[in-house]
């Protein structure tokens, strides 16, 4: 008889998973805040350029506009880099958790002579007595305290 584990629950509720999520969230929040500050400065710069349009020579105005466009483009690149970096770290955390989880499940299967464990998301209906998520989560929490995402 197959038993099941709620992998999503383990990823979200394990001590290491929670720490990783908190780290990723604070990294994202800090990155977004920094980008917002740069964006606000660029908006101020844009207002100044618009106000100076009539007093600047056309080539000076064009130069300032081109410079501003370059800064905006750079900001967009930084935003994309931030999101990509967070996404990579999230994938790394998930892989690290799963890498530590598999031996725990295998050991549990040997101890309890279980022949099959499946992910809860693949189930339509199952008896609650077949859910081994809690036992696996407890063992993972003892083995893996945190994940290094620096």
C-alpha atoms as a PDB file:
ATOM      1  CA  UNK A   1       0.000   0.000   0.000  1.00  0.00           C
ATOM      2  CA  UNK A   2       1.511   3.385  -0.973  1.00  0.00           C
ATOM      3  CA  UNK A   3       1.964   6.094   1.615  1.00  0.00           C
ATOM      4  CA  UNK A   4       2.090   9.774   0.770  1.00  0.00           C
ATOM      5  CA  UNK A   5       3.997  12.915   1.704  1.00  0.00           C
ATOM      6  CA  UNK A   6       2.898  16.511   1.159  1.00  0.00           C
ATOM      7  CA  UNK A   7       6.117  17.855  -0.371  1.00  0.00           C
ATOM      8  CA  UNK A   8       4.744  21.378  -0.733  1.00  0.00           C
ATOM      9  CA  UNK A   9       3.917  21.458   2.980  1.00  0.00           C
ATOM     10  CA  UNK A  10       7.402  20.208   3.862  1.00  0.00           C
ATOM     11  CA  UNK A  11       9.076  22.794   1.607  1.00  0.00           C
ATOM     12  CA  UNK A  12       7.043  25.585   3.197  1.00  0.00           C
ATOM     13  CA  UNK A  13       6.889  24.428   6.816  1.00  0.00           C
ATOM     14  CA  UNK A  14      10.276  22.844   7.492  1.00  0.00           C
ATOM     15  CA  UNK A  15      12.635  24.948   9.605  1.00  0.00           C
ATOM     16  CA  UNK A  16      15.134  25.207   6.750  1.00  0.00           C
ATOM     17  CA  UNK A  17      12.351  25.976   4.259  1.00  0.00           C
ATOM     18  CA  UNK A  18      10.946  28.763   6.425  1.00  0.00           C
ATOM     19  CA  UNK A  19      14.389  30.287   6.948  1.00  0.00           C
ATOM     20  CA  UNK A  20      15.091  30.135   3.215  1.00  0.00           C
ATOM     21  CA  UNK A  21      11.743  31.768   2.413  1.00  0.00           C
ATOM     22  CA  UNK A  22      12.341  34.530   4.955  1.00  0.00           C
ATOM     23  CA  UNK A  23      15.822  35.148   3.544  1.00  0.00           C
ATOM     24  CA  UNK A  24      14.490  35.264  -0.030  1.00  0.00           C
ATOM     25  CA  UNK A  25      11.613  37.555   0.932  1.00  0.00           C
ATOM     26  CA  UNK A  26      13.869  40.003   2.779  1.00  0.00           C
ATOM     27  CA  UNK A  27      16.384  39.951  -0.106  1.00  0.00           C
ATOM     28  CA  UNK A  28      13.598  40.662  -2.587  1.00  0.00           C
ATOM     29  CA  UNK A  29      12.064  43.387  -0.403  1.00  0.00           C
ATOM     30  CA  UNK A  30      15.434  45.102   0.068  1.00  0.00           C
ATOM     31  CA  UNK A  31      16.199  44.867  -3.653  1.00  0.00           C
ATOM     32  CA  UNK A  32      12.808  46.287  -4.603  1.00  0.00           C
ATOM     33  CA  UNK A  33      13.188  49.114  -2.070  1.00  0.00           C
ATOM     34  CA  UNK A  34      16.624  50.011  -3.479  1.00  0.00           C
ATOM     35  CA  UNK A  35      15.282  49.942  -7.035  1.00  0.00           C
ATOM     36  CA  UNK A  36      12.308  52.099  -6.017  1.00  0.00           C
ATOM     37  CA  UNK A  37      14.703  54.722  -4.607  1.00  0.00           C
ATOM     38  CA  UNK A  38      16.625  54.790  -7.893  1.00  0.00           C
ATOM     39  CA  UNK A  39      13.339  54.987  -9.811  1.00  0.00           C
ATOM     40  CA  UNK A  40      12.204  57.974  -7.709  1.00  0.00           C
ATOM     41  CA  UNK A  41      15.505  59.765  -8.385  1.00  0.00           C
ATOM     42  CA  UNK A  42      15.117  59.135 -12.105  1.00  0.00           C
ATOM     43  CA  UNK A  43      11.584  60.560 -12.025  1.00  0.00           C
ATOM     44  CA  UNK A  44      12.924  63.694 -10.327  1.00  0.00           C
ATOM     45  CA  UNK A  45      15.664  63.928 -12.938  1.00  0.00           C
ATOM     46  CA  UNK A  46      13.055  63.587 -15.688  1.00  0.00           C
ATOM     47  CA  UNK A  47      11.011  66.464 -14.215  1.00  0.00           C
ATOM     48  CA  UNK A  48      14.104  68.679 -14.119  1.00  0.00           C
ATOM     49  CA  UNK A  49      14.976  67.883 -17.725  1.00  0.00           C
ATOM     50  CA  UNK A  50      11.423  68.695 -18.841  1.00  0.00           C
ATOM     51  CA  UNK A  51      11.543  72.002 -16.935  1.00  0.00           C
ATOM     52  CA  UNK A  52      14.888  72.885 -18.549  1.00  0.00           C
ATOM     53  CA  UNK A  53      13.797  72.011 -22.085  1.00  0.00           C
ATOM     54  CA  UNK A  54      13.186  75.619 -23.146  1.00  0.00           C
ATOM     55  CA  UNK A  55      16.455  76.965 -21.757  1.00  0.00           C
ATOM     56  CA  UNK A  56      18.718  74.159 -22.985  1.00  0.00           C
ATOM     57  CA  UNK A  57      20.214  73.944 -26.430  1.00  0.00           C
ATOM     58  CA  UNK A  58      18.611  71.126 -28.454  1.00  0.00           C
ATOM     59  CA  UNK A  59      21.798  69.020 -28.383  1.00  0.00           C
ATOM     60  CA  UNK A  60      22.126  69.473 -24.582  1.00  0.00           C
ATOM     61  CA  UNK A  61      18.490  68.478 -24.116  1.00  0.00           C
ATOM     62  CA  UNK A  62      18.928  65.435 -26.346  1.00  0.00           C
ATOM     63  CA  UNK A  63      22.065  64.449 -24.446  1.00  0.00           C
ATOM     64  CA  UNK A  64      20.254  64.655 -21.090  1.00  0.00           C
ATOM     65  CA  UNK A  65      17.282  62.671 -22.426  1.00  0.00           C
ATOM     66  CA  UNK A  66      19.607  60.003 -23.845  1.00  0.00           C
ATOM     67  CA  UNK A  67      21.449  59.821 -20.531  1.00  0.00           C
ATOM     68  CA  UNK A  68      18.152  59.424 -18.670  1.00  0.00           C
ATOM     69  CA  UNK A  69      17.005  56.687 -21.064  1.00  0.00           C
ATOM     70  CA  UNK A  70      20.262  54.861 -20.444  1.00  0.00           C
ATOM     71  CA  UNK A  71      19.722  55.073 -16.676  1.00  0.00           C
ATOM     72  CA  UNK A  72      16.140  53.787 -17.041  1.00  0.00           C
ATOM     73  CA  UNK A  73      17.373  50.902 -19.175  1.00  0.00           C
ATOM     74  CA  UNK A  74      20.006  50.111 -16.554  1.00  0.00           C
ATOM     75  CA  UNK A  75      17.324  50.166 -13.838  1.00  0.00           C
ATOM     76  CA  UNK A  76      15.190  47.694 -15.803  1.00  0.00           C
ATOM     77  CA  UNK A  77      18.215  45.416 -16.200  1.00  0.00           C
ATOM     78  CA  UNK A  78      18.900  45.575 -12.450  1.00  0.00           C
ATOM     79  CA  UNK A  79      15.246  44.712 -11.740  1.00  0.00           C
ATOM     80  CA  UNK A  80      15.418  41.704 -14.075  1.00  0.00           C
ATOM     81  CA  UNK A  81      18.731  40.617 -12.512  1.00  0.00           C
ATOM     82  CA  UNK A  82      17.220  40.837  -9.026  1.00  0.00           C
ATOM     83  CA  UNK A  83      14.216  38.698  -9.966  1.00  0.00           C
ATOM     84  CA  UNK A  84      16.406  36.186 -11.771  1.00  0.00           C
ATOM     85  CA  UNK A  85      18.775  35.968  -8.796  1.00  0.00           C
ATOM     86  CA  UNK A  86      15.907  35.389  -6.344  1.00  0.00           C
ATOM     87  CA  UNK A  87      14.438  32.764  -8.666  1.00  0.00           C
ATOM     88  CA  UNK A  88      17.785  30.928  -8.852  1.00  0.00           C
ATOM     89  CA  UNK A  89      18.166  31.000  -5.074  1.00  0.00           C
ATOM     90  CA  UNK A  90      14.600  29.725  -4.628  1.00  0.00           C
ATOM     91  CA  UNK A  91      15.345  26.806  -6.966  1.00  0.00           C
ATOM     92  CA  UNK A  92      18.612  26.138  -5.108  1.00  0.00           C
ATOM     93  CA  UNK A  93      16.770  26.048  -1.767  1.00  0.00           C
ATOM     94  CA  UNK A  94      14.150  23.662  -3.135  1.00  0.00           C
ATOM     95  CA  UNK A  95      16.805  21.364  -4.603  1.00  0.00           C
ATOM     96  CA  UNK A  96      18.787  21.385  -1.361  1.00  0.00           C
ATOM     97  CA  UNK A  97      15.682  20.481   0.634  1.00  0.00           C
ATOM     98  CA  UNK A  98      14.769  17.679  -1.752  1.00  0.00           C
ATOM     99  CA  UNK A  99      18.360  16.397  -1.743  1.00  0.00           C
ATOM    100  CA  UNK A 100      18.175  16.084   2.047  1.00  0.00           C
ATOM    101  CA  UNK A 101      14.628  14.748   1.997  1.00  0.00           C
ATOM    102  CA  UNK A 102      15.156  11.719  -0.249  1.00  0.00           C
ATOM    103  CA  UNK A 103      17.537   9.834   2.088  1.00  0.00           C
ATOM    104  CA  UNK A 104      15.192  10.557   5.007  1.00  0.00           C
ATOM    105  CA  UNK A 105      12.240   9.080   3.116  1.00  0.00           C
ATOM    106  CA  UNK A 106      14.324   6.082   2.021  1.00  0.00           C
ATOM    107  CA  UNK A 107      15.416   5.430   5.607  1.00  0.00           C
ATOM    108  CA  UNK A 108      11.829   5.751   6.830  1.00  0.00           C
ATOM    109  CA  UNK A 109      10.646   3.339   4.138  1.00  0.00           C
ATOM    110  CA  UNK A 110      13.220   0.742   5.236  1.00  0.00           C
ATOM    111  CA  UNK A 111      12.291   1.131   8.907  1.00  0.00           C
ATOM    112  CA  UNK A 112       8.566   0.797   8.270  1.00  0.00           C
ATOM    113  CA  UNK A 113       8.888  -1.643   5.325  1.00  0.00           C
ATOM    114  CA  UNK A 114       7.042   0.727   3.021  1.00  0.00           C
ATOM    115  CA  UNK A 115       7.343  -0.040  -0.671  1.00  0.00           C
ATOM    116  CA  UNK A 116       6.069   3.226  -2.160  1.00  0.00           C
ATOM    117  CA  UNK A 117       5.725   6.884  -1.184  1.00  0.00           C
ATOM    118  CA  UNK A 118       4.016   9.361  -3.498  1.00  0.00           C
ATOM    119  CA  UNK A 119       3.475  13.110  -3.462  1.00  0.00           C
ATOM    120  CA  UNK A 120       0.130  14.202  -2.039  1.00  0.00           C
ATOM    121  CA  UNK A 121      -0.530  16.447  -5.053  1.00  0.00           C
ATOM    122  CA  UNK A 122      -0.759  13.302  -7.214  1.00  0.00           C
ATOM    123  CA  UNK A 123      -3.605  11.888  -5.115  1.00  0.00           C
ATOM    124  CA  UNK A 124      -7.295  12.210  -5.647  1.00  0.00           C
ATOM    125  CA  UNK A 125      -8.350  10.631  -2.333  1.00  0.00           C
ATOM    126  CA  UNK A 126      -6.420   8.810   0.374  1.00  0.00           C
ATOM    127  CA  UNK A 127      -6.805   7.664   3.949  1.00  0.00           C
ATOM    128  CA  UNK A 128      -5.252  10.126   6.432  1.00  0.00           C
ATOM    129  CA  UNK A 129      -3.486   7.187   8.095  1.00  0.00           C
ATOM    130  CA  UNK A 130      -1.312   6.861   4.979  1.00  0.00           C
ATOM    131  CA  UNK A 131       0.016  10.425   5.357  1.00  0.00           C
ATOM    132  CA  UNK A 132       3.599  10.340   6.679  1.00  0.00           C
ATOM    133  CA  UNK A 133       4.288  14.059   6.158  1.00  0.00           C
ATOM    134  CA  UNK A 134       4.583  14.870   9.882  1.00  0.00           C
ATOM    135  CA  UNK A 135       7.092  12.088  10.574  1.00  0.00           C
ATOM    136  CA  UNK A 136       9.206  13.057   7.572  1.00  0.00           C
ATOM    137  CA  UNK A 137       9.047  16.763   8.495  1.00  0.00           C
ATOM    138  CA  UNK A 138      10.223  16.011  12.047  1.00  0.00           C
ATOM    139  CA  UNK A 139      13.191  14.032  10.747  1.00  0.00           C
ATOM    140  CA  UNK A 140      14.093  16.723   8.202  1.00  0.00           C
ATOM    141  CA  UNK A 141      13.989  19.418  10.895  1.00  0.00           C
ATOM    142  CA  UNK A 142      16.439  17.391  12.992  1.00  0.00           C
ATOM    143  CA  UNK A 143      18.797  16.836  10.067  1.00  0.00           C
ATOM    144  CA  UNK A 144      18.668  20.161   8.185  1.00  0.00           C
ATOM    145  CA  UNK A 145      18.589  23.349  10.262  1.00  0.00           C
ATOM    146  CA  UNK A 146      19.084  25.835   7.422  1.00  0.00           C
ATOM    147  CA  UNK A 147      20.161  26.273   3.812  1.00  0.00           C
ATOM    148  CA  UNK A 148      23.009  28.575   2.805  1.00  0.00           C
ATOM    149  CA  UNK A 149      21.736  30.911   0.080  1.00  0.00           C
ATOM    150  CA  UNK A 150      24.369  33.659   0.394  1.00  0.00           C
END
